[in-house]
């Protein structure tokens, strides 16, 4: 089962969705703002991102900037960061794609080719 957390007004999310459909990959589309990834999914993704919390955050988003997370994140515990991401889907890097044994954030066709081919 593949969950694709997307934001409908995000052009990168639309490219990712098109990519998945063209490859014939079955996925469940989840609206990331209304239904952020679960804490378990966020923890698993953190493992896939080699423990780099910053990679889970939408660092170009207004919520990230308005909360001064560039300065706050380095001092934040993993538990606090996961809670923050789970409670505010705007903070989560998108697209956020997670399967049973892999996950990735953002969209780069070359990276996705490695995952899906």
N, C-alpha and C. Protein backbone atom coordinates (compact mmCIF):
# COMPACT_ATOMS: atom_id res chain seq x y z
N UNK A 1 0.84 -1.19 0.00
CA UNK A 1 0.00 0.00 0.00
C UNK A 1 0.88 1.24 0.00
N UNK A 2 0.57 2.16 -0.85
CA UNK A 2 1.34 3.40 -1.00
C UNK A 2 0.43 4.58 -0.68
N UNK A 3 0.83 5.38 0.28
CA UNK A 3 0.12 6.62 0.59
C UNK A 3 0.88 7.77 -0.03
N UNK A 4 0.17 8.61 -0.77
CA UNK A 4 0.75 9.80 -1.36
C UNK A 4 0.06 11.01 -0.75
N UNK A 5 0.77 11.70 0.11
CA UNK A 5 0.25 12.90 0.74
C UNK A 5 0.56 14.07 -0.17
N UNK A 6 -0.49 14.70 -0.69
CA UNK A 6 -0.36 15.74 -1.70
C UNK A 6 -1.19 16.96 -1.32
N UNK A 7 -0.84 18.08 -1.92
CA UNK A 7 -1.62 19.31 -1.79
C UNK A 7 -2.08 19.69 -3.18
N UNK A 8 -3.37 19.83 -3.36
CA UNK A 8 -3.94 20.01 -4.70
C UNK A 8 -3.43 21.26 -5.42
N UNK A 9 -3.06 22.32 -4.69
CA UNK A 9 -2.58 23.55 -5.32
C UNK A 9 -1.07 23.58 -5.52
N UNK A 10 -0.42 22.46 -5.28
CA UNK A 10 1.04 22.38 -5.39
C UNK A 10 1.41 21.77 -6.74
N UNK A 11 2.13 22.54 -7.56
CA UNK A 11 2.47 22.04 -8.90
C UNK A 11 3.40 20.83 -8.82
N UNK A 12 4.27 20.78 -7.84
CA UNK A 12 5.16 19.63 -7.69
C UNK A 12 4.34 18.38 -7.32
N UNK A 13 3.33 18.56 -6.49
CA UNK A 13 2.45 17.44 -6.12
C UNK A 13 1.70 16.93 -7.35
N UNK A 14 1.29 17.86 -8.20
CA UNK A 14 0.59 17.46 -9.42
C UNK A 14 1.50 16.67 -10.36
N UNK A 15 2.77 17.08 -10.44
CA UNK A 15 3.74 16.33 -11.24
C UNK A 15 3.94 14.93 -10.67
N UNK A 16 4.01 14.85 -9.35
CA UNK A 16 4.20 13.55 -8.69
C UNK A 16 3.00 12.64 -8.94
N UNK A 17 1.81 13.19 -8.83
CA UNK A 17 0.59 12.42 -9.07
C UNK A 17 0.54 11.91 -10.50
N UNK A 18 0.89 12.77 -11.44
CA UNK A 18 0.92 12.39 -12.85
C UNK A 18 1.95 11.27 -13.07
N UNK A 19 3.10 11.39 -12.46
CA UNK A 19 4.15 10.39 -12.56
C UNK A 19 3.63 9.03 -12.09
N UNK A 20 3.02 9.01 -10.91
CA UNK A 20 2.50 7.75 -10.36
C UNK A 20 1.46 7.12 -11.28
N UNK A 21 0.56 7.95 -11.80
CA UNK A 21 -0.48 7.43 -12.69
C UNK A 21 0.11 6.90 -13.99
N UNK A 22 1.07 7.63 -14.56
CA UNK A 22 1.69 7.18 -15.81
C UNK A 22 2.46 5.87 -15.64
N UNK A 23 3.02 5.66 -14.45
CA UNK A 23 3.76 4.43 -14.16
C UNK A 23 2.82 3.28 -13.77
N UNK A 24 1.53 3.59 -13.62
CA UNK A 24 0.56 2.57 -13.22
C UNK A 24 0.70 2.15 -11.77
N UNK A 25 1.20 3.03 -10.95
CA UNK A 25 1.41 2.74 -9.53
C UNK A 25 0.13 3.04 -8.76
N UNK A 26 -0.35 2.04 -8.06
CA UNK A 26 -1.57 2.20 -7.27
C UNK A 26 -1.21 2.92 -5.97
N UNK A 27 -1.96 3.97 -5.67
CA UNK A 27 -1.69 4.75 -4.46
C UNK A 27 -2.99 5.32 -3.91
N UNK A 28 -2.94 5.64 -2.64
CA UNK A 28 -4.05 6.33 -1.99
C UNK A 28 -3.65 7.78 -1.83
N UNK A 29 -4.42 8.66 -2.42
CA UNK A 29 -4.12 10.09 -2.31
C UNK A 29 -4.70 10.63 -1.01
N UNK A 30 -3.83 11.28 -0.24
CA UNK A 30 -4.23 11.86 1.03
C UNK A 30 -4.00 13.37 0.97
N UNK A 31 -4.99 14.17 1.36
CA UNK A 31 -4.79 15.62 1.37
C UNK A 31 -3.91 16.00 2.57
N UNK A 32 -2.68 16.41 2.30
CA UNK A 32 -1.68 16.60 3.35
C UNK A 32 -2.06 17.68 4.37
N UNK A 33 -2.74 18.72 3.92
CA UNK A 33 -3.11 19.79 4.86
C UNK A 33 -4.21 19.34 5.81
N UNK A 34 -5.18 18.61 5.28
CA UNK A 34 -6.31 18.17 6.09
C UNK A 34 -6.01 16.88 6.86
N UNK A 35 -5.17 16.03 6.29
CA UNK A 35 -4.85 14.73 6.90
C UNK A 35 -3.34 14.54 6.85
N UNK A 36 -2.62 15.17 7.78
CA UNK A 36 -1.16 15.02 7.78
C UNK A 36 -0.77 13.56 8.03
N UNK A 37 0.45 13.19 7.65
CA UNK A 37 0.91 11.83 7.92
C UNK A 37 0.82 11.50 9.41
N UNK A 38 0.62 10.23 9.70
CA UNK A 38 0.55 9.79 11.10
C UNK A 38 1.93 9.92 11.74
N UNK A 39 1.96 9.90 13.05
CA UNK A 39 3.24 9.96 13.76
C UNK A 39 4.11 8.77 13.37
N UNK A 40 3.49 7.62 13.23
CA UNK A 40 4.24 6.42 12.83
C UNK A 40 4.86 6.61 11.44
N UNK A 41 4.08 7.15 10.50
CA UNK A 41 4.60 7.39 9.15
C UNK A 41 5.74 8.42 9.17
N UNK A 42 5.58 9.45 9.99
CA UNK A 42 6.62 10.47 10.10
C UNK A 42 7.91 9.88 10.67
N UNK A 43 7.79 9.03 11.67
CA UNK A 43 8.97 8.38 12.26
C UNK A 43 9.65 7.46 11.25
N UNK A 44 8.86 6.72 10.49
CA UNK A 44 9.44 5.86 9.46
C UNK A 44 10.14 6.69 8.39
N UNK A 45 9.50 7.79 7.97
CA UNK A 45 10.10 8.65 6.96
C UNK A 45 11.40 9.24 7.49
N UNK A 46 11.43 9.58 8.75
CA UNK A 46 12.66 10.11 9.34
C UNK A 46 13.79 9.09 9.19
N UNK A 47 13.48 7.83 9.39
CA UNK A 47 14.48 6.77 9.18
C UNK A 47 14.95 6.75 7.72
N UNK A 48 14.00 6.87 6.79
CA UNK A 48 14.35 6.86 5.36
C UNK A 48 15.19 8.09 4.98
N UNK A 49 15.06 9.15 5.75
CA UNK A 49 15.82 10.38 5.50
C UNK A 49 17.07 10.44 6.38
N UNK A 50 17.52 9.28 6.83
CA UNK A 50 18.74 9.16 7.64
C UNK A 50 18.73 10.03 8.89
N UNK A 51 17.55 10.17 9.48
CA UNK A 51 17.44 10.91 10.74
C UNK A 51 17.50 12.42 10.61
N UNK A 52 17.47 12.93 9.39
CA UNK A 52 17.55 14.38 9.17
C UNK A 52 16.15 14.99 9.25
N UNK A 53 15.80 15.53 10.41
CA UNK A 53 14.47 16.12 10.62
C UNK A 53 14.15 17.22 9.63
N UNK A 54 15.14 18.02 9.29
CA UNK A 54 14.90 19.15 8.39
C UNK A 54 14.31 18.68 7.05
N UNK A 55 14.68 17.48 6.60
CA UNK A 55 14.17 16.98 5.33
C UNK A 55 12.66 16.72 5.36
N UNK A 56 12.08 16.60 6.54
CA UNK A 56 10.64 16.36 6.64
C UNK A 56 9.83 17.66 6.60
N UNK A 57 10.51 18.78 6.76
CA UNK A 57 9.82 20.07 6.83
C UNK A 57 9.77 20.78 5.49
N UNK A 58 8.66 21.45 5.23
CA UNK A 58 8.48 22.30 4.06
C UNK A 58 9.15 23.63 4.39
N UNK A 59 10.46 23.68 4.17
CA UNK A 59 11.25 24.84 4.59
C UNK A 59 10.96 26.11 3.80
N UNK A 60 10.28 25.97 2.68
CA UNK A 60 9.92 27.17 1.90
C UNK A 60 8.52 27.66 2.21
N UNK A 61 7.82 26.97 3.10
CA UNK A 61 6.45 27.34 3.42
C UNK A 61 6.35 28.51 4.39
N UNK A 62 5.23 29.20 4.33
CA UNK A 62 5.01 30.36 5.21
C UNK A 62 4.93 29.94 6.67
N UNK A 63 4.32 28.78 6.96
CA UNK A 63 4.22 28.34 8.35
C UNK A 63 5.61 28.11 8.94
N UNK A 64 6.49 27.51 8.17
CA UNK A 64 7.86 27.25 8.62
C UNK A 64 8.57 28.58 8.92
N UNK A 65 8.44 29.52 8.01
CA UNK A 65 9.11 30.82 8.18
C UNK A 65 8.49 31.63 9.32
N UNK A 66 7.16 31.65 9.39
CA UNK A 66 6.49 32.47 10.41
C UNK A 66 6.75 31.96 11.83
N UNK A 67 7.03 30.67 11.96
CA UNK A 67 7.32 30.11 13.28
C UNK A 67 8.82 30.08 13.58
N UNK A 68 9.60 30.69 12.69
CA UNK A 68 11.05 30.77 12.86
C UNK A 68 11.68 29.39 13.11
N UNK A 69 11.19 28.41 12.37
CA UNK A 69 11.66 27.04 12.60
C UNK A 69 13.10 26.81 12.14
N UNK A 70 13.60 27.68 11.28
CA UNK A 70 15.01 27.55 10.89
C UNK A 70 15.89 27.65 12.14
N UNK A 71 15.50 28.52 13.05
CA UNK A 71 16.26 28.70 14.30
C UNK A 71 15.84 27.69 15.37
N UNK A 72 14.57 27.34 15.40
CA UNK A 72 14.03 26.48 16.46
C UNK A 72 14.32 24.99 16.25
N UNK A 73 14.30 24.56 15.00
CA UNK A 73 14.43 23.14 14.70
C UNK A 73 15.69 22.48 15.26
N UNK A 74 16.85 23.13 15.18
CA UNK A 74 18.05 22.48 15.70
C UNK A 74 18.01 22.16 17.20
N UNK A 75 17.19 22.89 17.94
CA UNK A 75 17.11 22.66 19.39
C UNK A 75 15.89 21.81 19.79
N UNK A 76 15.09 21.46 18.82
CA UNK A 76 13.85 20.72 19.06
C UNK A 76 14.13 19.21 19.17
N UNK A 77 13.40 18.55 20.05
CA UNK A 77 13.53 17.10 20.16
C UNK A 77 12.81 16.45 18.97
N UNK A 78 13.18 15.23 18.67
CA UNK A 78 12.51 14.49 17.60
C UNK A 78 11.03 14.37 17.91
N UNK A 79 10.71 14.08 19.14
CA UNK A 79 9.30 13.93 19.55
C UNK A 79 8.53 15.22 19.30
N UNK A 80 9.11 16.36 19.67
CA UNK A 80 8.45 17.65 19.45
C UNK A 80 8.26 17.92 17.95
N UNK A 81 9.27 17.63 17.17
CA UNK A 81 9.19 17.88 15.73
C UNK A 81 8.12 16.99 15.09
N UNK A 82 8.08 15.72 15.46
CA UNK A 82 7.08 14.79 14.91
C UNK A 82 5.68 15.27 15.28
N UNK A 83 5.50 15.69 16.52
CA UNK A 83 4.20 16.19 16.97
C UNK A 83 3.79 17.42 16.16
N UNK A 84 4.74 18.33 15.94
CA UNK A 84 4.46 19.54 15.19
C UNK A 84 4.06 19.21 13.74
N UNK A 85 4.79 18.32 13.11
CA UNK A 85 4.47 17.92 11.74
C UNK A 85 3.11 17.24 11.66
N UNK A 86 2.84 16.36 12.61
CA UNK A 86 1.57 15.63 12.62
C UNK A 86 0.37 16.57 12.84
N UNK A 87 0.59 17.64 13.57
CA UNK A 87 -0.52 18.55 13.88
C UNK A 87 -0.71 19.65 12.84
N UNK A 88 0.25 19.81 11.91
CA UNK A 88 0.14 20.87 10.91
C UNK A 88 0.71 20.37 9.58
N UNK A 89 -0.17 19.90 8.72
CA UNK A 89 0.24 19.38 7.42
C UNK A 89 0.94 20.39 6.53
N UNK A 90 0.74 21.69 6.79
CA UNK A 90 1.44 22.71 6.01
C UNK A 90 2.94 22.67 6.23
N UNK A 91 3.35 22.12 7.35
CA UNK A 91 4.78 22.07 7.68
C UNK A 91 5.49 20.90 7.01
N UNK A 92 4.74 19.92 6.52
CA UNK A 92 5.33 18.70 5.99
C UNK A 92 5.79 18.90 4.55
N UNK A 93 7.01 18.49 4.27
CA UNK A 93 7.55 18.53 2.90
C UNK A 93 6.68 17.66 2.00
N UNK A 94 6.33 18.21 0.86
CA UNK A 94 5.45 17.48 -0.04
C UNK A 94 6.04 17.44 -1.43
N UNK A 95 5.63 16.47 -2.20
CA UNK A 95 4.81 15.33 -1.81
C UNK A 95 5.54 14.43 -0.82
N UNK A 96 4.75 13.75 -0.03
CA UNK A 96 5.23 12.84 1.01
C UNK A 96 4.68 11.47 0.61
N UNK A 97 5.56 10.60 0.13
CA UNK A 97 5.16 9.30 -0.40
C UNK A 97 5.72 8.22 0.50
N UNK A 98 4.85 7.36 1.02
CA UNK A 98 5.34 6.31 1.91
C UNK A 98 4.66 4.98 1.61
N UNK A 99 5.49 3.96 1.45
CA UNK A 99 5.01 2.60 1.22
C UNK A 99 5.36 1.72 2.41
N UNK A 100 5.25 0.42 2.23
CA UNK A 100 5.53 -0.49 3.33
C UNK A 100 7.00 -0.51 3.73
N UNK A 101 7.90 -0.36 2.76
CA UNK A 101 9.32 -0.46 3.09
C UNK A 101 10.18 0.63 2.43
N UNK A 102 9.56 1.75 2.11
CA UNK A 102 10.30 2.88 1.55
C UNK A 102 9.48 4.15 1.71
N UNK A 103 10.16 5.26 1.52
CA UNK A 103 9.48 6.55 1.54
C UNK A 103 10.39 7.61 0.99
N UNK A 104 9.78 8.69 0.53
CA UNK A 104 10.55 9.84 0.04
C UNK A 104 9.69 11.09 0.15
N UNK A 105 10.36 12.22 0.17
CA UNK A 105 9.67 13.51 0.17
C UNK A 105 10.20 14.32 -1.00
N UNK A 106 9.37 15.23 -1.47
CA UNK A 106 9.75 16.02 -2.64
C UNK A 106 9.60 15.16 -3.89
N UNK A 107 9.78 15.79 -5.03
CA UNK A 107 9.66 15.05 -6.28
C UNK A 107 10.81 15.36 -7.21
N UNK A 108 11.56 14.33 -7.52
CA UNK A 108 12.60 14.37 -8.55
C UNK A 108 12.42 13.07 -9.32
N UNK A 109 12.10 13.18 -10.59
CA UNK A 109 11.81 12.00 -11.41
C UNK A 109 12.94 10.98 -11.34
N UNK A 110 14.19 11.44 -11.34
CA UNK A 110 15.32 10.52 -11.31
C UNK A 110 15.32 9.68 -10.02
N UNK A 111 15.05 10.33 -8.91
CA UNK A 111 15.00 9.63 -7.62
C UNK A 111 13.84 8.65 -7.59
N UNK A 112 12.71 9.08 -8.10
CA UNK A 112 11.54 8.22 -8.11
C UNK A 112 11.73 7.04 -9.05
N UNK A 113 12.45 7.25 -10.15
CA UNK A 113 12.74 6.14 -11.07
C UNK A 113 13.48 5.02 -10.33
N UNK A 114 14.39 5.39 -9.45
CA UNK A 114 15.12 4.40 -8.66
C UNK A 114 14.19 3.64 -7.72
N UNK A 115 13.21 4.32 -7.20
CA UNK A 115 12.25 3.68 -6.27
C UNK A 115 11.27 2.76 -6.99
N UNK A 116 10.80 3.19 -8.16
CA UNK A 116 9.68 2.51 -8.80
C UNK A 116 10.04 1.65 -10.01
N UNK A 117 11.24 1.73 -10.51
CA UNK A 117 11.60 0.91 -11.68
C UNK A 117 12.31 -0.36 -11.25
